[in-house]
Amino acid sequence: MSVTITSQAAFEQELEIFRKEEEAAQQQFFAYLSVRELAASDTEVLRAMNTTPLFWLTTHHAMLVSAFIALGRIFDQNSAHNIDSLMALASKDLSVFSKPALAKRKEKAGLKTDEATAYVSDAFEPTASDLRALRKEIKAQRVIYEARYRDIRDKVFAHNEVFDLDVANQLLANTSVAEMKAAFGFLHSLYETLWQLFHNGRKLGLNARAFVLPPGSNAGAQILPGEKVFREGQRVLAHVVRGIEAEAKGS
């Protein structure tokens, strides 16, 4: 079974766009959590932030807005690139994931022909049913997004349709940090499983792991972008505190 360069290139490009979107949303949300959680748990940090409150209110709000905007681009079926666009390309031409196609990619990556043939001998070739199963899991995530997060993204952050503060706060009250963490874990797992399928012929399987905040107790595990930015955000705040303390002592 042959694969067209167009189909392969289109899927690879869409997968990379999806990676950038889901990682950007993940990083923005966990940067927001980093500031919020350290300020709530460390009085010295909160005191330091209160010396420049407008800056921190502005940047903290911007992190949350950016996360919701990016999340909307992922789930919005009217955006140019979204999760449905990715799955449509994955389903359109399954020969992209065939053993011959994978062998050609491995040869292009540097393997000899016999090495590539041996590598793909037990590679997984997905069926339409396998892709439908992934779509079913995506649909479950979309139901959550549309029920509690879409209106915040569209009416509060993106288009300012809601001016009543009480209404906006009520919409936000229906959200959950744990639920958003799970959503970002799902999206990252979806990217990983499609990447592994395309590049290594691994069987589809979503194995989203919980975020460890701050990272450290997950020894041996890959540090996810959200975990990394959470750690870096707290490090930045620690530097801010030391700088303000040094400035106060020198005055």
Protein backbone atom coordinates (compact mmCIF):
# COMPACT_ATOMS: atom_id res chain seq x y z
CA MET A 1 0.00 0.00 0.00
CA SER A 2 1.53 3.33 -1.01
CA VAL A 3 1.23 6.61 0.81
CA THR A 4 1.15 10.02 -0.81
CA ILE A 5 3.69 12.58 0.34
CA THR A 6 0.85 15.07 0.64
CA SER A 7 -1.09 12.97 3.16
CA GLN A 8 1.97 12.26 5.27
CA ALA A 9 3.25 15.83 5.24
CA ALA A 10 -0.20 17.23 6.03
CA PHE A 11 -0.64 14.96 9.04
CA GLU A 12 2.87 15.61 10.35
CA GLN A 13 2.36 19.37 10.03
CA GLU A 14 -1.03 19.28 11.76
CA LEU A 15 0.38 17.13 14.57
CA GLU A 16 3.17 19.66 15.15
CA ILE A 17 0.65 22.53 15.21
CA PHE A 18 -1.39 20.59 17.76
CA ARG A 19 1.71 20.03 19.91
CA LYS A 20 2.49 23.74 19.96
CA GLU A 21 -1.11 24.61 20.85
CA GLU A 22 -1.54 22.06 23.64
CA GLU A 23 1.88 22.80 25.15
CA ALA A 24 1.28 26.56 24.99
CA ALA A 25 -2.07 26.22 26.75
CA GLN A 26 -0.57 23.84 29.30
CA GLN A 27 2.38 26.13 30.05
CA GLN A 28 0.22 29.23 30.38
CA PHE A 29 -2.17 27.53 32.78
CA PHE A 30 0.56 26.04 34.96
CA ALA A 31 2.45 29.34 35.02
CA TYR A 32 -0.78 30.83 36.39
CA LEU A 33 -0.97 28.07 39.02
CA SER A 34 2.68 28.59 39.92
CA VAL A 35 2.11 32.23 40.84
CA ARG A 36 -1.21 31.59 42.57
CA GLU A 37 -0.07 28.69 44.71
CA LEU A 38 3.24 30.18 45.86
CA ALA A 39 1.63 33.51 46.70
CA ALA A 40 -1.02 31.69 48.74
CA SER A 41 1.48 29.57 50.66
CA ASP A 42 4.40 31.94 51.23
CA THR A 43 3.77 35.22 53.02
CA GLU A 44 7.17 36.63 52.01
CA VAL A 45 6.38 36.05 48.35
CA LEU A 46 2.96 37.65 48.73
CA ARG A 47 4.49 40.63 50.52
CA ALA A 48 7.04 41.05 47.72
CA MET A 49 4.36 40.84 45.05
CA ASN A 50 2.30 43.46 46.85
CA THR A 51 5.10 45.98 46.32
CA THR A 52 4.30 45.85 42.58
CA PRO A 53 0.64 44.74 42.62
CA LEU A 54 -0.45 46.11 39.23
CA PHE A 55 2.28 44.21 37.41
CA TRP A 56 1.40 40.92 39.08
CA LEU A 57 -2.35 41.35 38.65
CA THR A 58 -1.79 42.09 34.95
CA THR A 59 0.60 39.22 34.24
CA HIS A 60 -1.34 36.72 36.36
CA HIS A 61 -4.58 37.55 34.54
CA ALA A 62 -2.82 37.39 31.17
CA MET A 63 -1.61 33.84 31.90
CA LEU A 64 -5.15 32.63 32.56
CA VAL A 65 -6.61 34.44 29.55
CA SER A 66 -3.92 33.00 27.26
CA ALA A 67 -4.56 29.48 28.54
CA PHE A 68 -8.31 29.74 27.85
CA ILE A 69 -7.77 31.28 24.41
CA ALA A 70 -5.40 28.49 23.39
CA LEU A 71 -7.74 25.85 24.82
CA GLY A 72 -10.52 27.33 22.72
CA ARG A 73 -8.44 27.09 19.55
CA ILE A 74 -7.90 23.39 20.26
CA PHE A 75 -11.60 22.57 20.74
CA ASP A 76 -13.19 25.22 18.49
CA GLN A 77 -14.40 23.44 15.36
CA ASN A 78 -14.38 26.72 13.44
CA SER A 79 -10.69 27.48 13.97
CA ALA A 80 -8.19 26.82 11.18
CA HIS A 81 -6.32 24.18 13.16
CA ASN A 82 -7.96 22.21 15.94
CA ILE A 83 -8.27 18.76 17.44
CA ASP A 84 -10.90 17.75 14.86
CA SER A 85 -8.66 18.86 11.98
CA LEU A 86 -5.93 16.63 13.38
CA MET A 87 -8.19 13.60 13.72
CA ALA A 88 -9.71 14.17 10.27
CA LEU A 89 -6.24 13.99 8.72
CA ALA A 90 -5.33 10.95 10.80
CA SER A 91 -8.48 9.16 9.60
CA LYS A 92 -8.40 10.32 5.99
CA ASP A 93 -5.53 8.14 4.76
CA LEU A 94 -4.61 5.24 7.03
CA SER A 95 -1.81 4.25 4.66
CA VAL A 96 0.17 7.02 6.36
CA PHE A 97 0.47 4.63 9.30
CA SER A 98 1.19 1.49 7.27
CA LYS A 99 4.36 -0.52 7.74
CA PRO A 100 5.74 0.42 4.28
CA ALA A 101 5.21 4.11 5.03
CA LEU A 102 6.86 3.81 8.44
CA ALA A 103 9.79 1.90 6.90
CA LYS A 104 10.33 4.75 4.42
CA ARG A 105 10.32 7.28 7.26
CA LYS A 106 12.85 5.18 9.18
CA GLU A 107 15.07 4.95 6.11
CA LYS A 108 14.87 8.71 5.72
CA ALA A 109 15.87 9.01 9.38
CA GLY A 110 19.02 6.99 8.73
CA LEU A 111 18.22 3.26 8.97
CA LYS A 112 19.33 0.91 6.23
CA THR A 113 16.58 -0.78 4.21
CA ASP A 114 16.93 -4.12 5.99
CA GLU A 115 17.05 -2.40 9.38
CA ALA A 116 13.91 -0.41 8.59
CA THR A 117 12.12 -3.55 7.41
CA ALA A 118 13.04 -5.37 10.61
CA TYR A 119 12.01 -2.37 12.73
CA VAL A 120 8.49 -2.22 11.29
CA SER A 121 7.88 -5.98 11.28
CA ASP A 122 5.74 -5.78 14.42
CA ALA A 123 4.57 -2.18 14.01
CA PHE A 124 0.94 -1.38 14.78
CA GLU A 125 -1.29 -0.46 11.83
CA PRO A 126 -4.44 1.30 13.05
CA THR A 127 -7.89 0.65 11.64
CA ALA A 128 -10.78 3.06 11.23
CA SER A 129 -12.20 1.55 14.42
CA ASP A 130 -9.06 2.50 16.35
CA LEU A 131 -9.38 6.12 15.26
CA ARG A 132 -13.09 6.15 16.14
CA ALA A 133 -12.18 5.01 19.65
CA LEU A 134 -9.86 8.01 19.99
CA ARG A 135 -12.59 10.31 18.71
CA LYS A 136 -14.92 8.94 21.36
CA GLU A 137 -12.47 9.90 24.09
CA ILE A 138 -12.03 13.34 22.54
CA LYS A 139 -15.80 13.77 22.48
CA ALA A 140 -15.95 13.11 26.23
CA GLN A 141 -13.41 15.90 26.79
CA ARG A 142 -15.31 18.22 24.46
CA VAL A 143 -18.51 17.70 26.48
CA ILE A 144 -16.69 18.94 29.59
CA TYR A 145 -15.15 21.88 27.73
CA GLU A 146 -18.44 23.00 26.21
CA ALA A 147 -20.34 22.63 29.47
CA ARG A 148 -18.03 24.67 31.70
CA TYR A 149 -15.21 26.35 29.81
CA ARG A 150 -16.37 27.48 26.37
CA ASP A 151 -18.52 30.36 27.65
CA ILE A 152 -15.66 31.65 29.79
CA ARG A 153 -13.32 31.54 26.82
CA ASP A 154 -15.78 33.04 24.34
CA LYS A 155 -17.86 35.45 26.43
CA VAL A 156 -15.50 36.57 29.20
CA PHE A 157 -11.94 36.40 27.86
CA ALA A 158 -12.14 36.45 24.05
CA HIS A 159 -15.05 38.75 23.20
CA ASN A 160 -16.09 40.57 26.40
CA GLU A 161 -19.74 39.64 26.01
CA VAL A 162 -20.19 39.30 29.78
CA PHE A 163 -19.70 42.60 31.61
CA ASP A 164 -21.52 41.64 34.80
CA LEU A 165 -18.81 40.67 37.30
CA ASP A 166 -21.19 38.43 39.24
CA VAL A 167 -22.06 36.48 36.08
CA ALA A 168 -18.38 36.13 35.16
CA ASN A 169 -17.51 34.95 38.66
CA GLN A 170 -20.33 32.42 38.56
CA LEU A 171 -18.98 30.98 35.31
CA LEU A 172 -15.52 30.74 36.84
CA ALA A 173 -16.93 29.15 39.99
CA ASN A 174 -18.13 26.21 37.90
CA THR A 175 -14.60 25.40 36.80
CA SER A 176 -12.14 23.10 38.52
CA VAL A 177 -8.35 23.22 38.66
CA ALA A 178 -8.26 19.43 38.91
CA GLU A 179 -10.53 19.13 35.87
CA MET A 180 -8.34 21.47 33.83
CA LYS A 181 -5.22 19.56 34.85
CA ALA A 182 -6.89 16.38 33.62
CA ALA A 183 -7.82 18.05 30.32
CA PHE A 184 -4.24 19.16 29.72
CA GLY A 185 -3.00 15.69 30.66
CA PHE A 186 -5.40 14.19 28.12
CA LEU A 187 -4.35 16.55 25.33
CA HIS A 188 -0.66 15.90 25.92
CA SER A 189 -1.28 12.15 25.99
CA LEU A 190 -3.18 12.38 22.71
CA TYR A 191 -0.23 14.12 21.08
CA GLU A 192 2.22 11.56 22.46
CA THR A 193 0.22 8.54 21.30
CA LEU A 194 -0.21 9.94 17.77
CA TRP A 195 3.47 10.89 17.61
CA GLN A 196 4.54 7.40 18.71
CA LEU A 197 2.16 5.83 16.19
CA PHE A 198 3.50 7.93 13.33
CA HIS A 199 7.21 7.74 14.17
CA ASN A 200 7.54 4.36 15.86
CA GLY A 201 4.47 2.33 14.95
CA ARG A 202 3.37 1.95 18.55
CA LYS A 203 -0.13 0.85 19.41
CA LEU A 204 -2.61 3.59 20.22
CA GLY A 205 -3.25 4.08 23.91
CA LEU A 206 -3.91 7.17 25.99
CA ASN A 207 -1.94 6.99 29.22
CA ALA A 208 -2.28 10.46 30.68
CA ARG A 209 -0.39 10.79 33.93
CA ALA A 210 -1.16 13.21 36.70
CA PHE A 211 0.91 16.38 36.91
CA VAL A 212 3.31 16.48 39.85
CA LEU A 213 3.52 19.98 41.33
CA PRO A 214 6.16 20.95 42.07
CA PRO A 215 8.03 18.32 40.05
CA GLY A 216 10.56 16.32 41.99
CA SER A 217 8.77 13.31 43.41
CA ASN A 218 8.26 11.87 39.92
CA ALA A 219 11.82 10.55 39.63
CA GLY A 220 12.50 8.92 36.30
CA ALA A 221 9.39 10.30 34.64
CA GLN A 222 9.49 12.79 31.81
CA ILE A 223 8.90 16.31 33.11
CA LEU A 224 5.88 17.70 31.29
CA PRO A 225 5.93 21.31 30.02
CA GLY A 226 3.39 22.36 32.67
CA GLU A 227 5.53 20.89 35.45
CA LYS A 228 8.64 22.60 34.09
CA VAL A 229 7.06 26.04 33.85
CA PHE A 230 5.51 25.62 37.32
CA ARG A 231 8.96 25.00 38.78
CA GLU A 232 10.52 27.87 36.82
CA GLY A 233 7.74 30.24 37.85
CA GLN A 234 8.33 29.56 41.52
CA ARG A 235 12.05 30.00 40.99
CA VAL A 236 11.42 33.41 39.42
CA LEU A 237 9.26 34.45 42.34
CA ALA A 238 11.96 33.36 44.79
CA HIS A 239 14.44 35.61 42.95
CA VAL A 240 11.96 38.48 43.14
CA VAL A 241 11.67 38.07 46.90
CA ARG A 242 15.44 38.02 47.38
CA GLY A 243 15.84 41.07 45.15
CA ILE A 244 13.25 43.08 47.04
CA GLU A 245 14.74 42.05 50.38
CA ALA A 246 18.22 43.10 49.22
CA GLU A 247 16.86 46.40 47.95
CA ALA A 248 15.13 47.06 51.26
CA LYS A 249 18.31 46.36 53.23
CA GLY A 250 20.33 48.68 50.99
CA SER A 251 17.93 51.60 51.29
